[in-house]
C-alpha atoms as a PDB file:
ATOM      1  CA  UNK A   1      12.718   3.448  92.645  1.00  0.00           C
ATOM      2  CA  UNK A   2      10.199   0.659  92.110  1.00  0.00           C
ATOM      3  CA  UNK A   3       9.957  -1.975  94.823  1.00  0.00           C
ATOM      4  CA  UNK A   4      10.686  -5.416  93.471  1.00  0.00           C
ATOM      5  CA  UNK A   5       8.544  -8.299  94.695  1.00  0.00           C
ATOM      6  CA  UNK A   6      10.124 -10.646  97.200  1.00  0.00           C
ATOM      7  CA  UNK A   7      11.213 -13.776  95.397  1.00  0.00           C
ATOM      8  CA  UNK A   8      11.726 -17.133  97.051  1.00  0.00           C
ATOM      9  CA  UNK A   9      15.202 -18.616  96.881  1.00  0.00           C
ATOM     10  CA  UNK A  10      13.876 -22.150  97.393  1.00  0.00           C
ATOM     11  CA  UNK A  11      15.347 -24.474  94.784  1.00  0.00           C
ATOM     12  CA  UNK A  12      11.972 -25.711  93.558  1.00  0.00           C
ATOM     13  CA  UNK A  13      10.890 -22.113  92.933  1.00  0.00           C
ATOM     14  CA  UNK A  14      13.776 -21.464  90.534  1.00  0.00           C
ATOM     15  CA  UNK A  15      12.927 -21.539  86.831  1.00  0.00           C
ATOM     16  CA  UNK A  16      16.577 -22.149  85.993  1.00  0.00           C
ATOM     17  CA  UNK A  17      16.587 -25.314  88.113  1.00  0.00           C
ATOM     18  CA  UNK A  18      13.362 -26.604  86.560  1.00  0.00           C
ATOM     19  CA  UNK A  19      14.831 -26.073  83.078  1.00  0.00           C
ATOM     20  CA  UNK A  20      18.074 -27.783  84.108  1.00  0.00           C
ATOM     21  CA  UNK A  21      16.269 -30.750  85.690  1.00  0.00           C
ATOM     22  CA  UNK A  22      13.904 -31.112  82.716  1.00  0.00           C
ATOM     23  CA  UNK A  23      16.816 -31.018  80.276  1.00  0.00           C
ATOM     24  CA  UNK A  24      18.650 -33.743  82.188  1.00  0.00           C
ATOM     25  CA  UNK A  25      15.495 -35.866  82.427  1.00  0.00           C
ATOM     26  CA  UNK A  26      14.827 -35.603  78.684  1.00  0.00           C
ATOM     27  CA  UNK A  27      18.448 -36.465  77.913  1.00  0.00           C
ATOM     28  CA  UNK A  28      18.201 -39.534  80.185  1.00  0.00           C
ATOM     29  CA  UNK A  29      14.936 -40.584  78.531  1.00  0.00           C
ATOM     30  CA  UNK A  30      16.532 -40.406  75.073  1.00  0.00           C
ATOM     31  CA  UNK A  31      19.649 -42.332  76.144  1.00  0.00           C
ATOM     32  CA  UNK A  32      18.404 -45.941  75.670  1.00  0.00           C
ATOM     33  CA  UNK A  33      17.007 -45.107  72.237  1.00  0.00           C
ATOM     34  CA  UNK A  34      20.159 -43.263  71.181  1.00  0.00           C
ATOM     35  CA  UNK A  35      22.349 -46.083  72.505  1.00  0.00           C
ATOM     36  CA  UNK A  36      20.683 -48.359  69.946  1.00  0.00           C
ATOM     37  CA  UNK A  37      21.810 -45.955  67.211  1.00  0.00           C
ATOM     38  CA  UNK A  38      25.306 -45.488  68.632  1.00  0.00           C
ATOM     39  CA  UNK A  39      24.737 -41.790  69.336  1.00  0.00           C
ATOM     40  CA  UNK A  40      25.098 -39.619  72.401  1.00  0.00           C
ATOM     41  CA  UNK A  41      22.544 -36.870  72.964  1.00  0.00           C
ATOM     42  CA  UNK A  42      24.914 -34.053  71.880  1.00  0.00           C
ATOM     43  CA  UNK A  43      25.781 -36.027  68.724  1.00  0.00           C
ATOM     44  CA  UNK A  44      22.064 -36.529  68.074  1.00  0.00           C
ATOM     45  CA  UNK A  45      21.431 -32.780  68.308  1.00  0.00           C
ATOM     46  CA  UNK A  46      24.248 -32.148  65.803  1.00  0.00           C
ATOM     47  CA  UNK A  47      22.772 -34.749  63.464  1.00  0.00           C
ATOM     48  CA  UNK A  48      19.286 -33.203  63.776  1.00  0.00           C
ATOM     49  CA  UNK A  49      20.624 -29.910  62.432  1.00  0.00           C
ATOM     50  CA  UNK A  50      22.620 -31.584  59.659  1.00  0.00           C
ATOM     51  CA  UNK A  51      19.588 -33.664  58.613  1.00  0.00           C
ATOM     52  CA  UNK A  52      17.441 -30.536  58.584  1.00  0.00           C
ATOM     53  CA  UNK A  53      19.944 -28.619  56.475  1.00  0.00           C
ATOM     54  CA  UNK A  54      20.490 -31.568  54.128  1.00  0.00           C
ATOM     55  CA  UNK A  55      16.769 -31.806  53.474  1.00  0.00           C
ATOM     56  CA  UNK A  56      16.273 -28.076  52.899  1.00  0.00           C
ATOM     57  CA  UNK A  57      19.430 -27.270  50.961  1.00  0.00           C
ATOM     58  CA  UNK A  58      22.025 -29.960  50.374  1.00  0.00           C
ATOM     59  CA  UNK A  59      24.772 -27.302  50.097  1.00  0.00           C
ATOM     60  CA  UNK A  60      27.635 -27.820  52.505  1.00  0.00           C
ATOM     61  CA  UNK A  61      27.149 -25.834  55.723  1.00  0.00           C
ATOM     62  CA  UNK A  62      30.106 -24.747  57.820  1.00  0.00           C
ATOM     63  CA  UNK A  63      31.197 -25.655  61.330  1.00  0.00           C
ATOM     64  CA  UNK A  64      30.746 -21.981  62.217  1.00  0.00           C
ATOM     65  CA  UNK A  65      27.095 -21.993  61.061  1.00  0.00           C
ATOM     66  CA  UNK A  66      26.452 -25.204  62.992  1.00  0.00           C
ATOM     67  CA  UNK A  67      27.982 -23.697  66.127  1.00  0.00           C
ATOM     68  CA  UNK A  68      25.783 -20.625  65.794  1.00  0.00           C
ATOM     69  CA  UNK A  69      22.673 -22.750  65.277  1.00  0.00           C
ATOM     70  CA  UNK A  70      23.420 -24.899  68.340  1.00  0.00           C
ATOM     71  CA  UNK A  71      24.895 -22.079  70.430  1.00  0.00           C
ATOM     72  CA  UNK A  72      28.104 -24.098  70.853  1.00  0.00           C
ATOM     73  CA  UNK A  73      31.682 -22.946  70.494  1.00  0.00           C
ATOM     74  CA  UNK A  74      34.177 -24.756  68.291  1.00  0.00           C
ATOM     75  CA  UNK A  75      35.915 -26.265  71.330  1.00  0.00           C
ATOM     76  CA  UNK A  76      32.717 -28.146  72.149  1.00  0.00           C
ATOM     77  CA  UNK A  77      31.671 -28.851  68.577  1.00  0.00           C
ATOM     78  CA  UNK A  78      34.970 -30.130  67.170  1.00  0.00           C
ATOM     79  CA  UNK A  79      35.147 -33.338  69.271  1.00  0.00           C
ATOM     80  CA  UNK A  80      31.508 -34.104  68.452  1.00  0.00           C
ATOM     81  CA  UNK A  81      32.141 -33.699  64.732  1.00  0.00           C
ATOM     82  CA  UNK A  82      35.378 -35.663  64.924  1.00  0.00           C
ATOM     83  CA  UNK A  83      33.529 -38.614  66.478  1.00  0.00           C
ATOM     84  CA  UNK A  84      30.690 -38.404  63.939  1.00  0.00           C
ATOM     85  CA  UNK A  85      33.315 -38.418  61.204  1.00  0.00           C
ATOM     86  CA  UNK A  86      34.983 -41.505  62.733  1.00  0.00           C
ATOM     87  CA  UNK A  87      31.579 -43.189  62.703  1.00  0.00           C
ATOM     88  CA  UNK A  88      31.389 -42.323  58.980  1.00  0.00           C
ATOM     89  CA  UNK A  89      28.184 -40.299  59.323  1.00  0.00           C
ATOM     90  CA  UNK A  90      29.667 -36.857  58.682  1.00  0.00           C
ATOM     91  CA  UNK A  91      32.423 -35.522  56.436  1.00  0.00           C
ATOM     92  CA  UNK A  92      34.474 -32.424  57.219  1.00  0.00           C
ATOM     93  CA  UNK A  93      36.381 -30.638  54.475  1.00  0.00           C
ATOM     94  CA  UNK A  94      38.444 -27.451  54.627  1.00  0.00           C
ATOM     95  CA  UNK A  95      37.430 -24.775  52.169  1.00  0.00           C
ATOM     96  CA  UNK A  96      39.800 -24.396  49.228  1.00  0.00           C
ATOM     97  CA  UNK A  97      39.436 -20.610  49.281  1.00  0.00           C
ATOM     98  CA  UNK A  98      39.686 -20.136  53.081  1.00  0.00           C
ATOM     99  CA  UNK A  99      41.365 -22.845  55.146  1.00  0.00           C
ATOM    100  CA  UNK A 100      39.802 -21.484  58.339  1.00  0.00           C
ATOM    101  CA  UNK A 101      36.385 -22.500  57.024  1.00  0.00           C
ATOM    102  CA  UNK A 102      35.380 -26.143  57.433  1.00  0.00           C
ATOM    103  CA  UNK A 103      32.437 -27.477  55.428  1.00  0.00           C
ATOM    104  CA  UNK A 104      30.224 -30.300  56.626  1.00  0.00           C
ATOM    105  CA  UNK A 105      28.293 -32.903  54.711  1.00  0.00           C
ATOM    106  CA  UNK A 106      26.431 -36.069  55.535  1.00  0.00           C
ATOM    107  CA  UNK A 107      27.688 -39.373  54.205  1.00  0.00           C
ATOM    108  CA  UNK A 108      25.183 -41.835  52.762  1.00  0.00           C
ATOM    109  CA  UNK A 109      25.296 -43.641  56.119  1.00  0.00           C
ATOM    110  CA  UNK A 110      24.567 -40.344  57.899  1.00  0.00           C
ATOM    111  CA  UNK A 111      21.550 -39.742  55.672  1.00  0.00           C
ATOM    112  CA  UNK A 112      20.354 -43.315  56.286  1.00  0.00           C
ATOM    113  CA  UNK A 113      20.744 -42.877  60.061  1.00  0.00           C
ATOM    114  CA  UNK A 114      17.954 -40.286  59.893  1.00  0.00           C
ATOM    115  CA  UNK A 115      15.510 -43.018  58.880  1.00  0.00           C
ATOM    116  CA  UNK A 116      16.469 -45.017  61.969  1.00  0.00           C
ATOM    117  CA  UNK A 117      16.122 -41.970  64.248  1.00  0.00           C
ATOM    118  CA  UNK A 118      12.866 -40.768  62.736  1.00  0.00           C
ATOM    119  CA  UNK A 119      10.475 -42.073  65.417  1.00  0.00           C
ATOM    120  CA  UNK A 120      12.470 -41.132  68.526  1.00  0.00           C
ATOM    121  CA  UNK A 121      10.538 -37.958  69.371  1.00  0.00           C
ATOM    122  CA  UNK A 122       7.164 -39.672  68.947  1.00  0.00           C
ATOM    123  CA  UNK A 123       8.321 -42.627  71.026  1.00  0.00           C
ATOM    124  CA  UNK A 124       9.494 -40.332  73.818  1.00  0.00           C
ATOM    125  CA  UNK A 125       6.197 -38.422  73.820  1.00  0.00           C
ATOM    126  CA  UNK A 126       4.169 -41.644  73.886  1.00  0.00           C
ATOM    127  CA  UNK A 127       6.294 -43.181  76.650  1.00  0.00           C
ATOM    128  CA  UNK A 128       6.065 -40.018  78.767  1.00  0.00           C
ATOM    129  CA  UNK A 129       2.317 -39.528  78.323  1.00  0.00           C
ATOM    130  CA  UNK A 130       2.746 -35.979  77.014  1.00  0.00           C
ATOM    131  CA  UNK A 131       0.396 -35.281  74.141  1.00  0.00           C
ATOM    132  CA  UNK A 132       1.416 -33.363  71.041  1.00  0.00           C
ATOM    133  CA  UNK A 133      -0.507 -30.214  72.037  1.00  0.00           C
ATOM    134  CA  UNK A 134       1.239 -30.080  75.429  1.00  0.00           C
ATOM    135  CA  UNK A 135       4.619 -30.561  73.773  1.00  0.00           C
ATOM    136  CA  UNK A 136       3.908 -27.832  71.205  1.00  0.00           C
ATOM    137  CA  UNK A 137       2.741 -25.386  73.895  1.00  0.00           C
ATOM    138  CA  UNK A 138       5.812 -26.098  75.998  1.00  0.00           C
ATOM    139  CA  UNK A 139       8.132 -25.676  73.015  1.00  0.00           C
ATOM    140  CA  UNK A 140       6.422 -22.394  72.106  1.00  0.00           C
ATOM    141  CA  UNK A 141       6.843 -21.099  75.659  1.00  0.00           C
ATOM    142  CA  UNK A 142      10.498 -22.128  75.692  1.00  0.00           C
ATOM    143  CA  UNK A 143      11.054 -20.404  72.327  1.00  0.00           C
ATOM    144  CA  UNK A 144       9.646 -17.194  73.821  1.00  0.00           C
ATOM    145  CA  UNK A 145      11.798 -17.526  76.942  1.00  0.00           C
ATOM    146  CA  UNK A 146      14.913 -18.220  74.897  1.00  0.00           C
ATOM    147  CA  UNK A 147      14.248 -15.198  72.689  1.00  0.00           C
ATOM    148  CA  UNK A 148      13.761 -12.932  75.686  1.00  0.00           C
ATOM    149  CA  UNK A 149      16.892 -14.231  77.419  1.00  0.00           C
ATOM    150  CA  UNK A 150      18.911 -13.770  74.217  1.00  0.00           C
ATOM    151  CA  UNK A 151      17.621 -10.200  73.906  1.00  0.00           C
ATOM    152  CA  UNK A 152      18.507  -9.556  77.537  1.00  0.00           C
ATOM    153  CA  UNK A 153      22.002 -10.997  77.240  1.00  0.00           C
ATOM    154  CA  UNK A 154      22.737  -9.146  73.992  1.00  0.00           C
ATOM    155  CA  UNK A 155      21.746  -5.812  75.536  1.00  0.00           C
ATOM    156  CA  UNK A 156      23.459  -6.419  78.887  1.00  0.00           C
ATOM    157  CA  UNK A 157      26.565  -4.349  79.565  1.00  0.00           C
ATOM    158  CA  UNK A 158      29.844  -6.217  79.542  1.00  0.00           C
ATOM    159  CA  UNK A 159      32.523  -5.869  82.151  1.00  0.00           C
ATOM    160  CA  UNK A 160      32.263  -5.026  85.834  1.00  0.00           C
ATOM    161  CA  UNK A 161      29.469  -2.806  87.085  1.00  0.00           C
ATOM    162  CA  UNK A 162      30.297   0.721  88.168  1.00  0.00           C
ATOM    163  CA  UNK A 163      30.111   2.062  91.731  1.00  0.00           C
END
């Protein structure tokens, strides 16, 4: 059996806490800018994906595909989409061939909102003092971490461990 290194349990030594704290800090930093647009951060993330898909292929994506892309279940996604629909930025439509499938599309107002949101990332980077190279390196590292964690969780056994 290989001896594992001793790992500190101090909060500031935990990667999971640093990721959690950074996520909350970024969300807080976006809040004043998103308030001006009438969006919450989770709604903004939904809109980012819909804007991306609209630009690449204006075909109507599904709620299921959006949930997979954002790693959100329908119980979390449905209220977000319902609110975006009330704001007249998103349209939801049940598929004629399969009522379980719900298609999404951007309204003209939803497409126009992208123009208003366009500079948010740059503004946040400028305000925080993080340069583009630092941000790209951090994003690359997080992509690697996310991929490794996904691989780990998909290969992990389910259910209780044996004796």
